[in-house]
C-alpha atoms as a PDB file:
ATOM      1  CA  MET A   1       0.000   0.000   0.000  1.00  0.00           C
ATOM      2  CA  GLY A   2       3.004   2.310   0.460  1.00  0.00           C
ATOM      3  CA  GLU A   3       3.648   2.644  -3.276  1.00  0.00           C
ATOM      4  CA  GLU A   4       0.644   4.838  -4.164  1.00  0.00           C
ATOM      5  CA  LEU A   5       1.221   7.096  -7.161  1.00  0.00           C
ATOM      6  CA  GLN A   6      -0.649  10.060  -5.719  1.00  0.00           C
ATOM      7  CA  ILE A   7       2.663  11.856  -5.194  1.00  0.00           C
ATOM      8  CA  PRO A   8       5.209  10.564  -7.737  1.00  0.00           C
ATOM      9  CA  THR A   9       8.876  10.195  -6.869  1.00  0.00           C
ATOM     10  CA  TYR A  10      11.274  10.886  -9.726  1.00  0.00           C
ATOM     11  CA  ARG A  11      14.375   8.739  -9.357  1.00  0.00           C
ATOM     12  CA  GLU A  12      15.888   9.548 -12.746  1.00  0.00           C
ATOM     13  CA  PHE A  13      16.466  12.995 -14.223  1.00  0.00           C
ATOM     14  CA  ASN A  14      14.930  12.145 -17.589  1.00  0.00           C
ATOM     15  CA  ASP A  15      11.695  10.905 -16.020  1.00  0.00           C
ATOM     16  CA  TYR A  16      11.374  14.304 -14.366  1.00  0.00           C
ATOM     17  CA  TYR A  17      12.132  16.120 -17.630  1.00  0.00           C
ATOM     18  CA  LYS A  18       9.459  14.125 -19.451  1.00  0.00           C
ATOM     19  CA  ALA A  19       6.901  14.990 -16.768  1.00  0.00           C
ATOM     20  CA  ALA A  20       7.873  18.673 -17.062  1.00  0.00           C
ATOM     21  CA  ASN A  21       7.385  18.503 -20.856  1.00  0.00           C
ATOM     22  CA  THR A  22      10.884  19.633 -21.737  1.00  0.00           C
ATOM     23  CA  PRO A  23      12.842  18.084 -24.633  1.00  0.00           C
ATOM     24  CA  MET A  24      16.059  18.222 -22.620  1.00  0.00           C
ATOM     25  CA  ARG A  25      17.643  14.866 -21.695  1.00  0.00           C
ATOM     26  CA  SER A  26      20.650  13.891 -19.626  1.00  0.00           C
ATOM     27  CA  MET A  27      23.271  11.510 -21.002  1.00  0.00           C
ATOM     28  CA  ASN A  28      24.537  10.742 -17.492  1.00  0.00           C
ATOM     29  CA  ASP A  29      22.263   9.185 -14.867  1.00  0.00           C
ATOM     30  CA  ALA A  30      24.109  10.648 -11.852  1.00  0.00           C
ATOM     31  CA  PHE A  31      24.893  14.243 -12.901  1.00  0.00           C
ATOM     32  CA  HIS A  32      23.330  16.848 -15.172  1.00  0.00           C
ATOM     33  CA  VAL A  33      23.787  20.611 -15.347  1.00  0.00           C
ATOM     34  CA  PHE A  34      21.964  23.028 -17.644  1.00  0.00           C
ATOM     35  CA  ARG A  35      20.824  26.608 -18.190  1.00  0.00           C
ATOM     36  CA  PHE A  36      17.153  27.368 -17.662  1.00  0.00           C
ATOM     37  CA  ARG A  37      16.871  28.613 -21.239  1.00  0.00           C
ATOM     38  CA  ASP A  38      17.574  25.038 -22.403  1.00  0.00           C
ATOM     39  CA  LEU A  39      14.263  23.862 -20.912  1.00  0.00           C
ATOM     40  CA  GLY A  40      12.371  25.022 -24.007  1.00  0.00           C
ATOM     41  CA  ASP A  41       9.176  27.012 -24.424  1.00  0.00           C
ATOM     42  CA  ASP A  42       6.752  24.149 -23.807  1.00  0.00           C
ATOM     43  CA  ILE A  43       7.730  23.376 -20.209  1.00  0.00           C
ATOM     44  CA  VAL A  44       4.716  23.045 -17.912  1.00  0.00           C
ATOM     45  CA  GLN A  45       3.853  26.191 -15.983  1.00  0.00           C
ATOM     46  CA  GLU A  46       3.393  24.346 -12.705  1.00  0.00           C
ATOM     47  CA  MET A  47       4.318  20.981 -11.294  1.00  0.00           C
ATOM     48  CA  GLY A  48       3.666  19.004  -8.138  1.00  0.00           C
ATOM     49  CA  PRO A  49       3.317  17.782  -5.609  1.00  0.00           C
ATOM     50  CA  TYR A  50       6.146  15.326  -6.244  1.00  0.00           C
ATOM     51  CA  SER A  51       9.432  14.260  -4.708  1.00  0.00           C
ATOM     52  CA  ILE A  52      12.873  13.469  -6.082  1.00  0.00           C
ATOM     53  CA  SER A  53      15.485  10.967  -4.941  1.00  0.00           C
ATOM     54  CA  TYR A  54      18.448  13.166  -5.862  1.00  0.00           C
ATOM     55  CA  PHE A  55      19.740  16.680  -5.119  1.00  0.00           C
ATOM     56  CA  GLN A  56      18.994  19.888  -7.034  1.00  0.00           C
ATOM     57  CA  ILE A  57      20.817  23.196  -6.674  1.00  0.00           C
ATOM     58  CA  ALA A  58      19.584  26.133  -8.755  1.00  0.00           C
ATOM     59  CA  ILE A  59      20.735  29.731  -8.995  1.00  0.00           C
ATOM     60  CA  GLY A  60      19.100  32.481 -10.959  1.00  0.00           C
ATOM     61  CA  SER A  61      19.590  36.118 -11.817  1.00  0.00           C
ATOM     62  CA  GLU A  62      15.835  35.850 -12.309  1.00  0.00           C
ATOM     63  CA  ILE A  63      13.628  33.001 -11.079  1.00  0.00           C
ATOM     64  CA  LYS A  64      10.052  34.133 -10.747  1.00  0.00           C
ATOM     65  CA  ALA A  65       8.183  31.269  -9.127  1.00  0.00           C
ATOM     66  CA  LYS A  66       6.060  30.168  -6.200  1.00  0.00           C
ATOM     67  CA  VAL A  67       7.705  27.205  -4.493  1.00  0.00           C
ATOM     68  CA  ASP A  68       6.192  24.820  -1.932  1.00  0.00           C
ATOM     69  CA  VAL A  69       8.314  22.457   0.134  1.00  0.00           C
ATOM     70  CA  PHE A  70       6.033  20.293   2.237  1.00  0.00           C
ATOM     71  CA  ASP A  71       3.448  22.787   3.551  1.00  0.00           C
ATOM     72  CA  LEU A  72       5.793  25.796   3.572  1.00  0.00           C
ATOM     73  CA  ARG A  73       5.637  28.351   0.761  1.00  0.00           C
ATOM     74  CA  GLU A  74       8.207  30.756  -0.639  1.00  0.00           C
ATOM     75  CA  GLU A  75       8.355  33.138  -3.602  1.00  0.00           C
ATOM     76  CA  THR A  76      11.529  33.577  -5.637  1.00  0.00           C
ATOM     77  CA  GLU A  77      12.587  36.414  -7.911  1.00  0.00           C
ATOM     78  CA  ALA A  78      16.010  37.931  -8.651  1.00  0.00           C
ATOM     79  CA  TYR A  79      19.386  36.576  -7.485  1.00  0.00           C
ATOM     80  CA  THR A  80      18.075  33.508  -5.729  1.00  0.00           C
ATOM     81  CA  MET A  81      19.465  30.098  -4.784  1.00  0.00           C
ATOM     82  CA  VAL A  82      17.160  27.102  -4.317  1.00  0.00           C
ATOM     83  CA  VAL A  83      18.236  23.713  -2.925  1.00  0.00           C
ATOM     84  CA  PHE A  84      15.873  20.724  -3.209  1.00  0.00           C
ATOM     85  CA  LEU A  85      16.678  17.523  -1.327  1.00  0.00           C
ATOM     86  CA  PRO A  86      15.709  13.860  -1.621  1.00  0.00           C
ATOM     87  CA  GLY A  87      12.492  13.064   0.231  1.00  0.00           C
ATOM     88  CA  GLN A  88      11.045  16.574   0.274  1.00  0.00           C
ATOM     89  CA  ILE A  89       7.574  17.027  -1.205  1.00  0.00           C
ATOM     90  CA  LEU A  90       7.809  19.793  -3.779  1.00  0.00           C
ATOM     91  CA  SER A  91       5.539  21.958  -5.909  1.00  0.00           C
ATOM     92  CA  TRP A  92       6.336  24.970  -8.050  1.00  0.00           C
ATOM     93  CA  LYS A  93       4.520  27.424 -10.266  1.00  0.00           C
ATOM     94  CA  LYS A  94       6.284  29.536 -12.895  1.00  0.00           C
ATOM     95  CA  THR A  95       5.206  33.165 -12.513  1.00  0.00           C
ATOM     96  CA  GLY A  96       7.668  34.886 -14.863  1.00  0.00           C
ATOM     97  CA  ASN A  97      11.039  34.576 -16.567  1.00  0.00           C
ATOM     98  CA  TRP A  98      13.743  32.134 -15.480  1.00  0.00           C
ATOM     99  CA  ASP A  99      17.400  32.859 -16.179  1.00  0.00           C
ATOM    100  CA  GLY A 100      20.113  30.910 -14.430  1.00  0.00           C
ATOM    101  CA  TYR A 101      21.466  27.413 -13.921  1.00  0.00           C
ATOM    102  CA  LEU A 102      20.452  24.141 -12.280  1.00  0.00           C
ATOM    103  CA  VAL A 103      22.405  21.011 -11.411  1.00  0.00           C
ATOM    104  CA  ASN A 104      20.917  17.611 -10.611  1.00  0.00           C
ATOM    105  CA  PHE A 105      23.210  15.109  -8.916  1.00  0.00           C
ATOM    106  CA  LYS A 106      23.107  11.899  -6.941  1.00  0.00           C
ATOM    107  CA  GLU A 107      25.021  11.296  -3.736  1.00  0.00           C
ATOM    108  CA  SER A 108      27.159   8.664  -5.432  1.00  0.00           C
ATOM    109  CA  PHE A 109      28.476  11.245  -7.905  1.00  0.00           C
ATOM    110  CA  LEU A 110      29.137  13.926  -5.297  1.00  0.00           C
ATOM    111  CA  ASN A 111      31.418  11.662  -3.209  1.00  0.00           C
ATOM    112  CA  LEU A 112      32.254  14.263  -0.570  1.00  0.00           C
ATOM    113  CA  GLY A 113      34.632  11.923   1.210  1.00  0.00           C
ATOM    114  CA  ARG A 114      37.259  12.745  -1.402  1.00  0.00           C
ATOM    115  CA  ILE A 115      37.610  16.317  -0.133  1.00  0.00           C
ATOM    116  CA  GLY A 116      38.119  15.316   3.473  1.00  0.00           C
ATOM    117  CA  HIS A 117      34.542  15.841   4.664  1.00  0.00           C
ATOM    118  CA  GLN A 118      31.763  13.312   4.996  1.00  0.00           C
ATOM    119  CA  LYS A 119      28.290  14.095   3.703  1.00  0.00           C
ATOM    120  CA  GLU A 120      27.275  14.657   7.335  1.00  0.00           C
ATOM    121  CA  SER A 121      29.608  17.675   7.469  1.00  0.00           C
ATOM    122  CA  PHE A 122      27.231  19.750   5.339  1.00  0.00           C
ATOM    123  CA  ALA A 123      24.040  20.340   7.282  1.00  0.00           C
ATOM    124  CA  PHE A 124      22.348  22.162   4.391  1.00  0.00           C
ATOM    125  CA  LEU A 125      22.162  18.777   2.624  1.00  0.00           C
ATOM    126  CA  HIS A 126      19.806  17.596   5.374  1.00  0.00           C
ATOM    127  CA  HIS A 127      17.411  20.533   5.767  1.00  0.00           C
ATOM    128  CA  VAL A 128      13.758  19.578   6.098  1.00  0.00           C
ATOM    129  CA  ASN A 129      12.483  23.119   5.539  1.00  0.00           C
ATOM    130  CA  PRO A 130      12.849  25.048   2.265  1.00  0.00           C
ATOM    131  CA  LEU A 131      16.356  26.285   1.505  1.00  0.00           C
ATOM    132  CA  ILE A 132      15.626  29.315  -0.652  1.00  0.00           C
ATOM    133  CA  LEU A 133      18.090  32.156  -0.196  1.00  0.00           C
ATOM    134  CA  SER A 134      18.582  35.587  -1.707  1.00  0.00           C
ATOM    135  CA  LEU A 135      22.055  36.033  -3.171  1.00  0.00           C
ATOM    136  CA  SER A 136      24.141  39.143  -3.523  1.00  0.00           C
ATOM    137  CA  LYS A 137      25.370  39.888  -7.043  1.00  0.00           C
ATOM    138  CA  LYS A 138      28.875  38.909  -5.894  1.00  0.00           C
ATOM    139  CA  GLU A 139      27.657  35.545  -4.560  1.00  0.00           C
ATOM    140  CA  TYR A 140      25.657  34.886  -7.719  1.00  0.00           C
ATOM    141  CA  ARG A 141      28.626  35.621  -9.981  1.00  0.00           C
ATOM    142  CA  LEU A 142      30.865  33.345  -7.918  1.00  0.00           C
ATOM    143  CA  LEU A 143      28.434  30.426  -8.177  1.00  0.00           C
ATOM    144  CA  ARG A 144      27.688  31.189 -11.834  1.00  0.00           C
ATOM    145  CA  GLY A 145      31.387  30.793 -12.629  1.00  0.00           C
ATOM    146  CA  VAL A 146      31.380  27.260 -11.192  1.00  0.00           C
ATOM    147  CA  PHE A 147      28.183  26.378 -13.060  1.00  0.00           C
ATOM    148  CA  LYS A 148      29.693  27.578 -16.351  1.00  0.00           C
ATOM    149  CA  LEU A 149      32.772  25.427 -15.832  1.00  0.00           C
ATOM    150  CA  MET A 150      30.641  22.371 -14.965  1.00  0.00           C
ATOM    151  CA  LEU A 151      28.530  22.954 -18.069  1.00  0.00           C
ATOM    152  CA  ARG A 152      31.602  23.125 -20.295  1.00  0.00           C
ATOM    153  CA  GLU A 153      33.265  20.031 -18.821  1.00  0.00           C
ATOM    154  CA  SER A 154      30.113  17.910 -18.870  1.00  0.00           C
ATOM    155  CA  ARG A 155      29.594  18.240 -22.633  1.00  0.00           C
ATOM    156  CA  ALA A 156      31.848  15.211 -23.113  1.00  0.00           C
ATOM    157  CA  PHE A 157      31.782  12.713 -20.261  1.00  0.00           C
ATOM    158  CA  GLY A 158      35.152  11.046 -20.663  1.00  0.00           C
ATOM    159  CA  GLU A 159      37.158   9.922 -17.641  1.00  0.00           C
ATOM    160  CA  GLU A 160      39.004  13.233 -17.346  1.00  0.00           C
ATOM    161  CA  GLN A 161      35.866  15.361 -17.757  1.00  0.00           C
ATOM    162  CA  THR A 162      34.028  13.271 -15.148  1.00  0.00           C
ATOM    163  CA  MET A 163      36.825  13.794 -12.627  1.00  0.00           C
ATOM    164  CA  VAL A 164      36.918  17.551 -13.263  1.00  0.00           C
ATOM    165  CA  THR A 165      33.123  17.850 -13.131  1.00  0.00           C
ATOM    166  CA  ARG A 166      32.972  15.981  -9.808  1.00  0.00           C
ATOM    167  CA  ASN A 167      35.665  18.240  -8.359  1.00  0.00           C
ATOM    168  CA  LEU A 168      33.798  21.333  -9.541  1.00  0.00           C
ATOM    169  CA  LEU A 169      30.576  20.034  -7.983  1.00  0.00           C
ATOM    170  CA  GLN A 170      32.396  19.542  -4.693  1.00  0.00           C
ATOM    171  CA  VAL A 171      33.667  23.124  -4.926  1.00  0.00           C
ATOM    172  CA  LEU A 172      30.091  24.299  -5.563  1.00  0.00           C
ATOM    173  CA  VAL A 173      28.861  22.455  -2.457  1.00  0.00           C
ATOM    174  CA  VAL A 174      31.603  24.089  -0.360  1.00  0.00           C
ATOM    175  CA  TYR A 175      30.656  27.551  -1.679  1.00  0.00           C
ATOM    176  CA  VAL A 176      26.951  26.927  -1.053  1.00  0.00           C
ATOM    177  CA  ASN A 177      27.814  25.773   2.455  1.00  0.00           C
ATOM    178  CA  ARG A 178      29.694  29.010   3.110  1.00  0.00           C
ATOM    179  CA  ILE A 179      26.776  31.108   1.890  1.00  0.00           C
ATOM    180  CA  VAL A 180      24.302  29.186   4.041  1.00  0.00           C
ATOM    181  CA  SER A 181      26.706  29.448   6.980  1.00  0.00           C
ATOM    182  CA  ASP A 182      26.794  33.234   6.598  1.00  0.00           C
ATOM    183  CA  ARG A 183      23.005  33.238   7.028  1.00  0.00           C
ATOM    184  CA  ASP A 184      23.092  30.833   9.975  1.00  0.00           C
ATOM    185  CA  GLN A 185      25.505  31.866  12.680  1.00  0.00           C
ATOM    186  CA  SER A 186      24.903  28.608  14.548  1.00  0.00           C
ATOM    187  CA  GLY A 187      27.358  27.080  12.062  1.00  0.00           C
ATOM    188  CA  ILE A 188      26.892  24.790   9.099  1.00  0.00           C
ATOM    189  CA  PHE A 189      30.171  22.922   9.190  1.00  0.00           C
ATOM    190  CA  VAL A 190      29.661  20.269  11.858  1.00  0.00           C
ATOM    191  CA  VAL A 191      32.621  18.583  13.444  1.00  0.00           C
ATOM    192  CA  SER A 192      31.539  16.808  16.619  1.00  0.00           C
ATOM    193  CA  PRO A 193      30.574  13.116  16.545  1.00  0.00           C
ATOM    194  CA  TYR A 194      27.166  14.019  17.986  1.00  0.00           C
ATOM    195  CA  GLN A 195      26.526  16.472  15.145  1.00  0.00           C
ATOM    196  CA  GLN A 196      27.591  13.964  12.513  1.00  0.00           C
ATOM    197  CA  VAL A 197      25.291  11.293  13.953  1.00  0.00           C
ATOM    198  CA  ALA A 198      22.322  13.670  14.325  1.00  0.00           C
ATOM    199  CA  THR A 199      22.526  15.111  10.801  1.00  0.00           C
ATOM    200  CA  ARG A 200      23.048  11.660   9.287  1.00  0.00           C
ATOM    201  CA  PHE A 201      19.994  10.441  11.204  1.00  0.00           C
ATOM    202  CA  LYS A 202      17.888  13.281   9.803  1.00  0.00           C
ATOM    203  CA  SER A 203      19.065  12.412   6.297  1.00  0.00           C
ATOM    204  CA  LEU A 204      18.064   8.758   6.789  1.00  0.00           C
ATOM    205  CA  VAL A 205      14.652   9.812   8.094  1.00  0.00           C
ATOM    206  CA  LEU A 206      14.078  11.912   4.963  1.00  0.00           C
ATOM    207  CA  GLU A 207      14.884   8.836   2.879  1.00  0.00           C
ATOM    208  CA  HIS A 208      12.963   6.164   4.806  1.00  0.00           C
ATOM    209  CA  TYR A 209      10.255   7.760   6.956  1.00  0.00           C
ATOM    210  CA  LEU A 210       7.374   6.476   4.814  1.00  0.00           C
ATOM    211  CA  LYS A 211       8.217   2.862   5.577  1.00  0.00           C
ATOM    212  CA  GLU A 212      10.334   2.964   8.719  1.00  0.00           C
ATOM    213  CA  LYS A 213       9.296   4.661  11.954  1.00  0.00           C
ATOM    214  CA  SER A 214      11.342   2.664  14.465  1.00  0.00           C
ATOM    215  CA  VAL A 215      14.148   4.505  16.268  1.00  0.00           C
ATOM    216  CA  THR A 216      15.878   1.166  16.826  1.00  0.00           C
ATOM    217  CA  CYS A 217      15.996   0.542  13.078  1.00  0.00           C
ATOM    218  CA  TYR A 218      17.667   3.905  12.401  1.00  0.00           C
ATOM    219  CA  ALA A 219      20.197   3.279  15.172  1.00  0.00           C
ATOM    220  CA  ARG A 220      20.984  -0.062  13.520  1.00  0.00           C
ATOM    221  CA  MET A 221      21.490   1.675  10.153  1.00  0.00           C
ATOM    222  CA  LEU A 222      23.957   4.032  11.820  1.00  0.00           C
ATOM    223  CA  GLY A 223      25.735   1.244  13.703  1.00  0.00           C
ATOM    224  CA  ILE A 224      25.102   2.820  17.116  1.00  0.00           C
ATOM    225  CA  SER A 225      22.861   2.224  20.111  1.00  0.00           C
ATOM    226  CA  SER A 226      19.433   3.816  20.438  1.00  0.00           C
ATOM    227  CA  ALA A 227      20.639   5.560  23.589  1.00  0.00           C
ATOM    228  CA  TYR A 228      23.574   7.172  21.783  1.00  0.00           C
ATOM    229  CA  LEU A 229      21.290   8.270  18.953  1.00  0.00           C
ATOM    230  CA  ALA A 230      18.894   9.833  21.463  1.00  0.00           C
ATOM    231  CA  ASP A 231      21.765  11.708  23.148  1.00  0.00           C
ATOM    232  CA  ALA A 232      23.047  13.032  19.808  1.00  0.00           C
ATOM    233  CA  VAL A 233      19.651  14.208  18.578  1.00  0.00           C
ATOM    234  CA  LYS A 234      18.873  15.819  21.923  1.00  0.00           C
ATOM    235  CA  LYS A 235      22.147  17.753  21.978  1.00  0.00           C
ATOM    236  CA  VAL A 236      22.011  18.908  18.345  1.00  0.00           C
ATOM    237  CA  PHE A 237      18.284  19.382  17.655  1.00  0.00           C
ATOM    238  CA  GLN A 238      16.880  19.687  21.217  1.00  0.00           C
ATOM    239  CA  THR A 239      14.325  16.973  20.534  1.00  0.00           C
ATOM    240  CA  THR A 240      14.059  13.187  20.355  1.00  0.00           C
ATOM    241  CA  PRO A 241      14.562  10.834  17.395  1.00  0.00           C
ATOM    242  CA  LYS A 242      10.916   9.784  17.600  1.00  0.00           C
ATOM    243  CA  CYS A 243       9.760  13.411  17.446  1.00  0.00           C
ATOM    244  CA  LEU A 244      11.787  13.973  14.256  1.00  0.00           C
ATOM    245  CA  ILE A 245      10.294  10.865  12.658  1.00  0.00           C
ATOM    246  CA  ASN A 246       6.808  11.984  13.693  1.00  0.00           C
ATOM    247  CA  GLU A 247       7.431  15.492  12.318  1.00  0.00           C
ATOM    248  CA  MET A 248       8.314  14.100   8.885  1.00  0.00           C
ATOM    249  CA  THR A 249       5.299  11.779   8.883  1.00  0.00           C
ATOM    250  CA  TYR A 250       3.017  14.629   9.934  1.00  0.00           C
ATOM    251  CA  LEU A 251       4.389  16.969   7.238  1.00  0.00           C
ATOM    252  CA  TYR A 252       3.781  14.315   4.599  1.00  0.00           C
ATOM    253  CA  ALA A 253       0.253  13.671   5.900  1.00  0.00           C
ATOM    254  CA  LYS A 254      -0.593  17.398   5.822  1.00  0.00           C
ATOM    255  CA  THR A 255       0.703  17.663   2.270  1.00  0.00           C
ATOM    256  CA  LEU A 256      -1.391  14.710   1.101  1.00  0.00           C
ATOM    257  CA  LEU A 257      -4.496  16.093   2.817  1.00  0.00           C
ATOM    258  CA  SER A 258      -4.064  19.537   1.282  1.00  0.00           C
ATOM    259  CA  SER A 259      -2.894  18.627  -2.232  1.00  0.00           C
ATOM    260  CA  THR A 260      -4.681  15.363  -3.125  1.00  0.00           C
ATOM    261  CA  ASP A 261      -8.170  13.877  -2.973  1.00  0.00           C
ATOM    262  CA  MET A 262      -6.832  10.681  -1.429  1.00  0.00           C
ATOM    263  CA  GLY A 263      -9.236   9.125   1.064  1.00  0.00           C
ATOM    264  CA  ILE A 264      -8.122   9.238   4.681  1.00  0.00           C
ATOM    265  CA  LYS A 265      -8.037   5.453   5.031  1.00  0.00           C
ATOM    266  CA  GLU A 266      -5.944   5.174   1.870  1.00  0.00           C
ATOM    267  CA  LEU A 267      -3.721   7.934   3.184  1.00  0.00           C
ATOM    268  CA  ALA A 268      -3.170   6.014   6.429  1.00  0.00           C
ATOM    269  CA  TRP A 269      -2.079   2.948   4.443  1.00  0.00           C
ATOM    270  CA  THR A 270       0.234   5.072   2.283  1.00  0.00           C
ATOM    271  CA  LEU A 271       1.911   6.305   5.458  1.00  0.00           C
ATOM    272  CA  ASN A 272       2.315   2.690   6.609  1.00  0.00           C
ATOM    273  CA  PHE A 273      -0.043   2.898   9.576  1.00  0.00           C
ATOM    274  CA  ASP A 274      -1.343  -0.602  10.223  1.00  0.00           C
ATOM    275  CA  ASP A 275      -4.652   0.726  11.490  1.00  0.00           C
ATOM    276  CA  TYR A 276      -6.768   3.689  10.360  1.00  0.00           C
ATOM    277  CA  SER A 277      -7.634   4.662  13.936  1.00  0.00           C
ATOM    278  CA  HIS A 278      -3.934   4.826  14.848  1.00  0.00           C
ATOM    279  CA  PHE A 279      -3.373   7.358  12.090  1.00  0.00           C
ATOM    280  CA  VAL A 280      -6.326   9.488  13.223  1.00  0.00           C
ATOM    281  CA  LYS A 281      -4.981   9.497  16.802  1.00  0.00           C
ATOM    282  CA  PHE A 282      -1.492  10.329  15.580  1.00  0.00           C
ATOM    283  CA  PHE A 283      -2.686  13.234  13.442  1.00  0.00           C
ATOM    284  CA  LYS A 284      -4.898  14.634  16.186  1.00  0.00           C
ATOM    285  CA  LYS A 285      -2.023  14.454  18.658  1.00  0.00           C
ATOM    286  CA  MET A 286       0.224  16.372  16.238  1.00  0.00           C
ATOM    287  CA  SER A 287      -2.293  19.003  15.079  1.00  0.00           C
ATOM    288  CA  GLY A 288      -5.166  19.066  17.552  1.00  0.00           C
ATOM    289  CA  LEU A 289      -7.513  18.133  14.689  1.00  0.00           C
ATOM    290  CA  THR A 290      -8.618  14.918  13.063  1.00  0.00           C
ATOM    291  CA  PRO A 291      -7.527  14.495   9.414  1.00  0.00           C
ATOM    292  CA  ALA A 292     -11.123  15.081   8.272  1.00  0.00           C
ATOM    293  CA  ALA A 293     -11.431  18.285  10.312  1.00  0.00           C
ATOM    294  CA  PHE A 294      -8.066  19.512   9.018  1.00  0.00           C
ATOM    295  CA  ARG A 295      -9.128  18.962   5.392  1.00  0.00           C
ATOM    296  CA  LYS A 296     -12.503  20.591   6.030  1.00  0.00           C
ATOM    297  CA  GLY A 297     -10.746  23.662   7.429  1.00  0.00           C
ATOM    298  CA  LEU A 298      -8.680  23.921   4.260  1.00  0.00           C
ATOM    299  CA  GLU A 299     -11.825  23.789   2.128  1.00  0.00           C
ATOM    300  CA  LYS A 300     -13.359  26.664   4.101  1.00  0.00           C
ATOM    301  CA  LYS A 301     -10.251  28.785   3.518  1.00  0.00           C
ATOM    302  CA  ASP A 302     -10.551  28.196  -0.231  1.00  0.00           C
END
């Protein structure tokens, strides 16, 4: 029951491009960079909700759009950076011109370990909430330079070009991390073992929360005890592992209720609740409303 197609997940770049009605195709299944102008004139004007199983980083001197990540909404315009992550539920609506660059990449291609940092060292790669930032012209030009180099190198994917492109992508991730860090004085580069465990846990939850809600299972994936995981999450996020899992499940449930006509029983099965009444109790505990009352409230607002 957990494989409902109400909210599609695009695992390959070209499947996403087909759904967006763009003639563009990627020749590499782990990395693709392009300019927005290459999308063509027939691209759909809005898309979603959907999710992706890879990373997207976009920058634009002009990106006029309304963007939804889970149930949070943002508007983008000039000199903007947008980062979409695996597991997020996304929607967007084109409201004007787009001029800039976008890169799609899978974790296997990024391979951050080669620059001396693990994936866990970059907290922006694990954000649950939208990562949509205004850029200064200087920041935009810096990132644009890296995008242009990636675009040039990726035109022929020989062994040398692949190595250079991967290195450039790693440089881009470092630059993005610095920009995000400037906006977040709590620090983006994480160095303590607790921080590495907690951010890795959040990343795993984003990937598996639909099917796996057991804290013990996540601890096993990480090769640590449940007690150590609880200590790490408490110190870094001031909450419990179970609360983070519940937050993701609740966000997904709210998105389904607000953006689809899926029946509540079907929704409960999609979220892997073994009993409809358990889902209703869970949702009411999280929101103060039953799923039916929540949906009814949305209809009144419309």
